[in-house]
PDB file of N, CA and C in Angstrom:
ATOM      1  N   MET A   1     -19.331   8.428  -3.796  1.00  0.00           N
ATOM      2  CA  MET A   1     -19.818   9.370  -2.793  1.00  0.00           C
ATOM      3  C   MET A   1     -20.411  10.574  -3.100  1.00  0.00           C
ATOM      4  N   SER A   2     -21.642  10.724  -2.566  1.00  0.00           N
ATOM      5  CA  SER A   2     -21.852  12.099  -3.066  1.00  0.00           C
ATOM      6  C   SER A   2     -21.431  13.038  -2.398  1.00  0.00           C
ATOM      7  N   GLU A   3     -21.626  14.362  -2.972  1.00  0.00           N
ATOM      8  CA  GLU A   3     -20.695  15.760  -2.344  1.00  0.00           C
ATOM      9  C   GLU A   3     -21.139  16.055  -1.013  1.00  0.00           C
ATOM     10  N   ALA A   4     -22.729  15.733  -0.617  1.00  0.00           N
ATOM     11  CA  ALA A   4     -23.285  16.012   0.693  1.00  0.00           C
ATOM     12  C   ALA A   4     -22.499  15.371   1.680  1.00  0.00           C
ATOM     13  N   LEU A   5     -22.503  13.723   1.508  1.00  0.00           N
ATOM     14  CA  LEU A   5     -21.400  13.085   2.613  1.00  0.00           C
ATOM     15  C   LEU A   5     -20.050  13.064   2.233  1.00  0.00           C
ATOM     16  N   ARG A   6     -19.669  13.605   1.297  1.00  0.00           N
ATOM     17  CA  ARG A   6     -18.072  14.089   1.211  1.00  0.00           C
ATOM     18  C   ARG A   6     -17.752  15.333   2.169  1.00  0.00           C
ATOM     19  N   ARG A   7     -18.724  16.255   2.391  1.00  0.00           N
ATOM     20  CA  ARG A   7     -18.600  17.172   3.106  1.00  0.00           C
ATOM     21  C   ARG A   7     -18.615  16.885   4.896  1.00  0.00           C
ATOM     22  N   PHE A   8     -19.407  15.974   4.868  1.00  0.00           N
ATOM     23  CA  PHE A   8     -19.825  15.496   6.285  1.00  0.00           C
ATOM     24  C   PHE A   8     -18.611  15.049   6.864  1.00  0.00           C
ATOM     25  N   GLY A   9     -18.193  15.748   8.208  1.00  0.00           N
ATOM     26  CA  GLY A   9     -17.258  15.340   9.297  1.00  0.00           C
ATOM     27  C   GLY A   9     -17.622  14.354   9.767  1.00  0.00           C
ATOM     28  N   PHE A  10     -16.393  13.275  10.418  1.00  0.00           N
ATOM     29  CA  PHE A  10     -17.285  12.440  11.952  1.00  0.00           C
ATOM     30  C   PHE A  10     -17.593  13.387  13.166  1.00  0.00           C
ATOM     31  N   MET A  11     -18.004  12.428  13.704  1.00  0.00           N
ATOM     32  CA  MET A  11     -18.076  13.503  15.093  1.00  0.00           C
ATOM     33  C   MET A  11     -16.909  13.970  15.775  1.00  0.00           C
ATOM     34  N   ASP A  12     -15.995  12.774  16.035  1.00  0.00           N
ATOM     35  CA  ASP A  12     -14.828  13.121  16.364  1.00  0.00           C
ATOM     36  C   ASP A  12     -13.878  13.773  15.659  1.00  0.00           C
ATOM     37  N   GLY A  13     -14.252  14.199  14.815  1.00  0.00           N
ATOM     38  CA  GLY A  13     -13.026  15.044  13.359  1.00  0.00           C
ATOM     39  C   GLY A  13     -12.739  14.301  12.237  1.00  0.00           C
ATOM     40  N   ARG A  14     -12.413  14.956  11.267  1.00  0.00           N
ATOM     41  CA  ARG A  14     -12.003  14.247  10.260  1.00  0.00           C
ATOM     42  C   ARG A  14     -11.167  13.392  10.035  1.00  0.00           C
ATOM     43  N   ARG A  15     -11.111  12.213   9.169  1.00  0.00           N
ATOM     44  CA  ARG A  15     -10.315  11.028   9.338  1.00  0.00           C
ATOM     45  C   ARG A  15      -9.052  11.554   8.227  1.00  0.00           C
ATOM     46  N   ASP A  16      -7.734  11.026   8.689  1.00  0.00           N
ATOM     47  CA  ASP A  16      -6.412  11.248   8.007  1.00  0.00           C
ATOM     48  C   ASP A  16      -6.603   9.555   7.114  1.00  0.00           C
ATOM     49  N   LYS A  17      -7.262   9.513   5.997  1.00  0.00           N
ATOM     50  CA  LYS A  17      -6.831   8.395   5.496  1.00  0.00           C
ATOM     51  C   LYS A  17      -5.218   7.694   5.248  1.00  0.00           C
ATOM     52  N   GLY A  18      -4.665   8.484   4.810  1.00  0.00           N
ATOM     53  CA  GLY A  18      -2.733   8.626   4.529  1.00  0.00           C
ATOM     54  C   GLY A  18      -2.438   7.877   6.039  1.00  0.00           C
ATOM     55  N   GLN A  19      -3.055   8.540   7.118  1.00  0.00           N
ATOM     56  CA  GLN A  19      -2.323   8.114   8.521  1.00  0.00           C
ATOM     57  C   GLN A  19      -2.903   6.498   8.933  1.00  0.00           C
ATOM     58  N   ILE A  20      -4.025   6.204   8.558  1.00  0.00           N
ATOM     59  CA  ILE A  20      -4.669   5.202   8.731  1.00  0.00           C
ATOM     60  C   ILE A  20      -3.931   4.296   8.082  1.00  0.00           C
ATOM     61  N   ARG A  21      -3.581   4.287   6.645  1.00  0.00           N
ATOM     62  CA  ARG A  21      -3.370   3.532   5.850  1.00  0.00           C
ATOM     63  C   ARG A  21      -1.431   2.867   6.327  1.00  0.00           C
ATOM     64  N   ALA A  22      -1.071   3.970   6.962  1.00  0.00           N
ATOM     65  CA  ALA A  22       0.297   3.747   7.107  1.00  0.00           C
ATOM     66  C   ALA A  22       0.602   3.007   8.383  1.00  0.00           C
ATOM     67  N   ASP A  23      -0.508   3.487   9.433  1.00  0.00           N
ATOM     68  CA  ASP A  23      -1.022   2.695  10.302  1.00  0.00           C
ATOM     69  C   ASP A  23      -0.973   1.269  10.235  1.00  0.00           C
ATOM     70  N   ALA A  24      -1.575   0.880   9.113  1.00  0.00           N
ATOM     71  CA  ALA A  24      -2.022  -0.571   9.036  1.00  0.00           C
ATOM     72  C   ALA A  24      -0.990  -1.727   8.113  1.00  0.00           C
ATOM     73  N   PHE A  25      -0.226  -0.281   7.616  1.00  0.00           N
ATOM     74  CA  PHE A  25       0.991  -1.504   6.959  1.00  0.00           C
ATOM     75  C   PHE A  25       1.949  -2.289   7.740  1.00  0.00           C
ATOM     76  N   LYS A  26       2.193  -3.701   7.102  1.00  0.00           N
ATOM     77  CA  LYS A  26       2.920  -4.236   7.378  1.00  0.00           C
ATOM     78  C   LYS A  26       3.637  -4.905   6.414  1.00  0.00           C
ATOM     79  N   ARG A  27       5.029  -5.164   6.540  1.00  0.00           N
ATOM     80  CA  ARG A  27       5.793  -5.752   5.538  1.00  0.00           C
ATOM     81  C   ARG A  27       5.277  -6.800   5.369  1.00  0.00           C
ATOM     82  N   ASP A  28       5.565  -7.409   3.907  1.00  0.00           N
ATOM     83  CA  ASP A  28       5.303  -8.587   3.595  1.00  0.00           C
ATOM     84  C   ASP A  28       6.293  -9.074   2.784  1.00  0.00           C
ATOM     85  N   GLU A  29       7.112 -10.299   3.346  1.00  0.00           N
ATOM     86  CA  GLU A  29       8.316 -10.457   2.508  1.00  0.00           C
ATOM     87  C   GLU A  29       7.626 -11.268   1.228  1.00  0.00           C
ATOM     88  N   ARG A  30       6.409 -12.274   0.944  1.00  0.00           N
ATOM     89  CA  ARG A  30       6.333 -12.533  -0.586  1.00  0.00           C
ATOM     90  C   ARG A  30       6.061 -11.327  -1.277  1.00  0.00           C
ATOM     91  N   MET A  31       5.887 -10.065  -1.140  1.00  0.00           N
ATOM     92  CA  MET A  31       5.586  -8.887  -1.910  1.00  0.00           C
ATOM     93  C   MET A  31       6.771  -8.235  -1.929  1.00  0.00           C
ATOM     94  N   GLU A  32       7.421  -8.492  -1.485  1.00  0.00           N
ATOM     95  CA  GLU A  32       9.041  -7.927  -1.877  1.00  0.00           C
ATOM     96  C   GLU A  32       9.349  -8.495  -2.692  1.00  0.00           C
ATOM     97  N   ALA A  33       9.293 -10.025  -2.507  1.00  0.00           N
ATOM     98  CA  ALA A  33       9.880 -11.020  -3.514  1.00  0.00           C
ATOM     99  C   ALA A  33       9.302 -11.109  -4.985  1.00  0.00           C
ATOM    100  N   LEU A  34       8.169 -10.192  -5.138  1.00  0.00           N
ATOM    101  CA  LEU A  34       7.461  -9.997  -6.008  1.00  0.00           C
ATOM    102  C   LEU A  34       8.106  -8.901  -7.139  1.00  0.00           C
ATOM    103  N   ALA A  35       8.530  -7.878  -6.062  1.00  0.00           N
ATOM    104  CA  ALA A  35       8.993  -6.821  -6.444  1.00  0.00           C
ATOM    105  C   ALA A  35      10.285  -7.072  -6.555  1.00  0.00           C
ATOM    106  N   THR A  36      11.205  -7.994  -6.203  1.00  0.00           N
ATOM    107  CA  THR A  36      12.135  -7.973  -7.097  1.00  0.00           C
ATOM    108  C   THR A  36      11.869  -9.210  -8.133  1.00  0.00           C
ATOM    109  N   LEU A  37      10.666  -9.978  -8.018  1.00  0.00           N
ATOM    110  CA  LEU A  37      11.019 -10.830  -9.462  1.00  0.00           C
ATOM    111  C   LEU A  37      10.393  -9.885 -10.938  1.00  0.00           C
ATOM    112  N   ARG A  38       9.771  -8.655 -10.210  1.00  0.00           N
ATOM    113  CA  ARG A  38       9.476  -7.623 -11.294  1.00  0.00           C
ATOM    114  C   ARG A  38      10.574  -6.917 -12.069  1.00  0.00           C
ATOM    115  N   ASP A  39      11.482  -6.806 -10.898  1.00  0.00           N
ATOM    116  CA  ASP A  39      12.961  -5.958 -11.426  1.00  0.00           C
ATOM    117  C   ASP A  39      13.861  -6.452 -12.267  1.00  0.00           C
ATOM    118  N   SER A  40      13.643  -7.966 -11.772  1.00  0.00           N
ATOM    119  CA  SER A  40      14.966  -8.744 -12.078  1.00  0.00           C
ATOM    120  C   SER A  40      14.763  -9.653 -13.517  1.00  0.00           C
ATOM    121  N   ARG A  41      13.414 -10.101 -13.521  1.00  0.00           N
ATOM    122  CA  ARG A  41      12.418 -10.969 -14.619  1.00  0.00           C
ATOM    123  C   ARG A  41      11.391 -10.342 -14.957  1.00  0.00           C
ATOM    124  N   PRO A  42      11.579  -9.229 -15.882  1.00  0.00           N
ATOM    125  CA  PRO A  42      10.085  -8.593 -16.134  1.00  0.00           C
ATOM    126  C   PRO A  42       9.312  -9.350 -16.964  1.00  0.00           C
ATOM    127  N   GLU A  43       9.963 -10.778 -17.461  1.00  0.00           N
ATOM    128  CA  GLU A  43       8.984 -11.438 -18.449  1.00  0.00           C
ATOM    129  C   GLU A  43       8.340 -12.274 -17.887  1.00  0.00           C
ATOM    130  N   VAL A  44       8.838 -12.960 -16.938  1.00  0.00           N
ATOM    131  CA  VAL A  44       8.071 -13.753 -15.945  1.00  0.00           C
ATOM    132  C   VAL A  44       7.045 -13.383 -15.206  1.00  0.00           C
ATOM    133  N   PHE A  45       7.512 -11.880 -14.772  1.00  0.00           N
ATOM    134  CA  PHE A  45       6.367 -10.989 -14.016  1.00  0.00           C
ATOM    135  C   PHE A  45       5.162 -10.573 -14.558  1.00  0.00           C
ATOM    136  N   GLU A  46       5.298 -10.698 -16.160  1.00  0.00           N
ATOM    137  CA  GLU A  46       4.226 -10.118 -16.989  1.00  0.00           C
ATOM    138  C   GLU A  46       3.223 -11.423 -17.133  1.00  0.00           C
ATOM    139  N   LYS A  47       3.776 -12.481 -16.943  1.00  0.00           N
ATOM    140  CA  LYS A  47       2.910 -13.760 -17.040  1.00  0.00           C
ATOM    141  C   LYS A  47       1.844 -13.925 -15.657  1.00  0.00           C
ATOM    142  N   LEU A  48       2.129 -13.070 -14.611  1.00  0.00           N
ATOM    143  CA  LEU A  48       1.719 -13.734 -13.855  1.00  0.00           C
ATOM    144  C   LEU A  48       0.060 -12.831 -13.647  1.00  0.00           C
ATOM    145  N   GLY A  49      -0.915 -13.485 -12.850  1.00  0.00           N
ATOM    146  CA  GLY A  49      -2.342 -12.786 -13.022  1.00  0.00           C
ATOM    147  C   GLY A  49      -2.426 -11.430 -12.511  1.00  0.00           C
ATOM    148  N   THR A  50      -3.362 -10.969 -13.040  1.00  0.00           N
ATOM    149  CA  THR A  50      -3.544  -9.524 -13.002  1.00  0.00           C
ATOM    150  C   THR A  50      -3.887  -9.282 -11.371  1.00  0.00           C
ATOM    151  N   THR A  51      -4.354  -9.762 -10.702  1.00  0.00           N
ATOM    152  CA  THR A  51      -4.523  -9.995  -9.332  1.00  0.00           C
ATOM    153  C   THR A  51      -3.657  -9.960  -8.462  1.00  0.00           C
ATOM    154  N   VAL A  52      -2.151 -10.383  -8.900  1.00  0.00           N
ATOM    155  CA  VAL A  52      -1.455 -10.618  -8.614  1.00  0.00           C
ATOM    156  C   VAL A  52      -0.191  -9.423  -8.302  1.00  0.00           C
ATOM    157  N   ARG A  53      -0.419  -8.968  -9.743  1.00  0.00           N
ATOM    158  CA  ARG A  53       0.455  -7.597 -10.283  1.00  0.00           C
ATOM    159  C   ARG A  53      -0.420  -6.488  -9.507  1.00  0.00           C
ATOM    160  N   MET A  54      -1.657  -6.434  -9.070  1.00  0.00           N
ATOM    161  CA  MET A  54      -2.412  -5.536  -8.749  1.00  0.00           C
ATOM    162  C   MET A  54      -2.219  -5.177  -7.175  1.00  0.00           C
ATOM    163  N   SER A  55      -2.212  -6.208  -6.369  1.00  0.00           N
ATOM    164  CA  SER A  55      -1.704  -6.259  -5.053  1.00  0.00           C
ATOM    165  C   SER A  55      -0.341  -6.166  -4.698  1.00  0.00           C
ATOM    166  N   LEU A  56       0.552  -6.080  -5.838  1.00  0.00           N
ATOM    167  CA  LEU A  56       1.892  -5.730  -5.291  1.00  0.00           C
ATOM    168  C   LEU A  56       1.709  -3.937  -5.603  1.00  0.00           C
ATOM    169  N   GLY A  57       0.930  -3.606  -6.763  1.00  0.00           N
ATOM    170  CA  GLY A  57       0.785  -2.396  -6.684  1.00  0.00           C
ATOM    171  C   GLY A  57      -0.062  -1.463  -5.314  1.00  0.00           C
ATOM    172  N   TYR A  58      -1.063  -2.025  -4.769  1.00  0.00           N
ATOM    173  CA  TYR A  58      -1.461  -1.566  -4.007  1.00  0.00           C
ATOM    174  C   TYR A  58      -0.559  -1.813  -2.843  1.00  0.00           C
ATOM    175  N   TYR A  59       0.218  -2.856  -2.330  1.00  0.00           N
ATOM    176  CA  TYR A  59       1.148  -2.831  -1.598  1.00  0.00           C
ATOM    177  C   TYR A  59       2.561  -1.866  -1.589  1.00  0.00           C
ATOM    178  N   GLU A  60       3.144  -1.395  -2.504  1.00  0.00           N
ATOM    179  CA  GLU A  60       4.072  -0.744  -2.961  1.00  0.00           C
ATOM    180  C   GLU A  60       3.338   0.722  -2.394  1.00  0.00           C
ATOM    181  N   ASN A  61       1.969   0.927  -3.014  1.00  0.00           N
ATOM    182  CA  ASN A  61       1.053   2.474  -2.640  1.00  0.00           C
ATOM    183  C   ASN A  61       1.349   2.449  -1.265  1.00  0.00           C
ATOM    184  N   ASP A  62       0.884   1.259  -0.785  1.00  0.00           N
ATOM    185  CA  ASP A  62       0.780   1.817   1.148  1.00  0.00           C
ATOM    186  C   ASP A  62       1.994   1.510   1.652  1.00  0.00           C
ATOM    187  N   LYS A  63       3.342   1.148   1.333  1.00  0.00           N
ATOM    188  CA  LYS A  63       4.489   1.184   1.799  1.00  0.00           C
ATOM    189  C   LYS A  63       5.241   2.477   1.525  1.00  0.00           C
ATOM    190  N   LYS A  64       4.723   3.148   0.718  1.00  0.00           N
ATOM    191  CA  LYS A  64       5.071   4.462  -0.042  1.00  0.00           C
ATOM    192  C   LYS A  64       4.621   5.330   1.060  1.00  0.00           C
ATOM    193  N   ILE A  65       2.995   5.310   1.256  1.00  0.00           N
ATOM    194  CA  ILE A  65       2.339   6.200   2.515  1.00  0.00           C
ATOM    195  C   ILE A  65       2.776   5.947   3.738  1.00  0.00           C
ATOM    196  N   ALA A  66       3.228   4.897   4.311  1.00  0.00           N
ATOM    197  CA  ALA A  66       3.694   4.420   5.397  1.00  0.00           C
ATOM    198  C   ALA A  66       5.204   5.404   5.278  1.00  0.00           C
ATOM    199  N   ALA A  67       5.785   5.317   4.598  1.00  0.00           N
ATOM    200  CA  ALA A  67       7.278   6.010   4.786  1.00  0.00           C
ATOM    201  C   ALA A  67       7.035   7.650   4.686  1.00  0.00           C
ATOM    202  N   GLU A  68       6.026   7.772   4.017  1.00  0.00           N
ATOM    203  CA  GLU A  68       5.532   9.325   3.870  1.00  0.00           C
ATOM    204  C   GLU A  68       5.414  10.232   5.575  1.00  0.00           C
ATOM    205  N   HIS A  69       4.636   8.858   6.110  1.00  0.00           N
ATOM    206  CA  HIS A  69       4.072   9.067   7.483  1.00  0.00           C
ATOM    207  C   HIS A  69       5.192   9.085   8.771  1.00  0.00           C
ATOM    208  N   GLY A  70       6.338   8.606   8.081  1.00  0.00           N
ATOM    209  CA  GLY A  70       7.686   8.622   9.154  1.00  0.00           C
ATOM    210  C   GLY A  70       7.636   7.052   9.755  1.00  0.00           C
ATOM    211  N   ARG A  71       7.027   6.164   9.112  1.00  0.00           N
ATOM    212  CA  ARG A  71       7.071   4.827   9.439  1.00  0.00           C
ATOM    213  C   ARG A  71       8.382   4.015   8.323  1.00  0.00           C
ATOM    214  N   ASP A  72       9.089   3.146   9.372  1.00  0.00           N
ATOM    215  CA  ASP A  72      10.345   2.245   8.710  1.00  0.00           C
ATOM    216  C   ASP A  72       9.871   1.436   7.989  1.00  0.00           C
ATOM    217  N   ALA A  73       9.665   1.497   6.328  1.00  0.00           N
ATOM    218  CA  ALA A  73       8.759   0.441   5.994  1.00  0.00           C
ATOM    219  C   ALA A  73       9.834  -0.560   5.712  1.00  0.00           C
ATOM    220  N   THR A  74      11.200  -0.690   5.772  1.00  0.00           N
ATOM    221  CA  THR A  74      12.213  -1.470   5.460  1.00  0.00           C
ATOM    222  C   THR A  74      12.356  -2.614   6.103  1.00  0.00           C
ATOM    223  N   LYS A  75      11.704  -2.590   7.385  1.00  0.00           N
ATOM    224  CA  LYS A  75      12.314  -3.633   8.523  1.00  0.00           C
ATOM    225  C   LYS A  75      10.975  -4.354   8.064  1.00  0.00           C
ATOM    226  N   GLY A  76      11.584  -6.068   8.703  1.00  0.00           N
ATOM    227  CA  GLY A  76      10.593  -6.958   8.708  1.00  0.00           C
ATOM    228  C   GLY A  76       9.492  -7.010   9.834  1.00  0.00           C
ATOM    229  N   SER A  77       9.764  -6.310  10.729  1.00  0.00           N
ATOM    230  CA  SER A  77       8.888  -6.341  11.818  1.00  0.00           C
ATOM    231  C   SER A  77       7.725  -5.335  11.664  1.00  0.00           C
ATOM    232  N   ASN A  78       7.654  -4.605  10.717  1.00  0.00           N
ATOM    233  CA  ASN A  78       6.381  -3.704  10.292  1.00  0.00           C
ATOM    234  C   ASN A  78       5.133  -4.578  10.268  1.00  0.00           C
TER     235      ASN A  78
END
């Protein structure tokens, strides 16, 4: 993105990307199971595809951002 576009604000104010990601976070039991697999059996986790491992990284990053914005990311109903 160009510097001019980066400085441009939206008509209703700047966006808080972290808050938007925190609001969109939903707990996913499949991702939680992948995180458990990564911690308990790293040799099996490393054999999984790159897309699966990257997806877990994005999920955990979103989970961290949600927690930083006051969301309880430990409940299954999120």
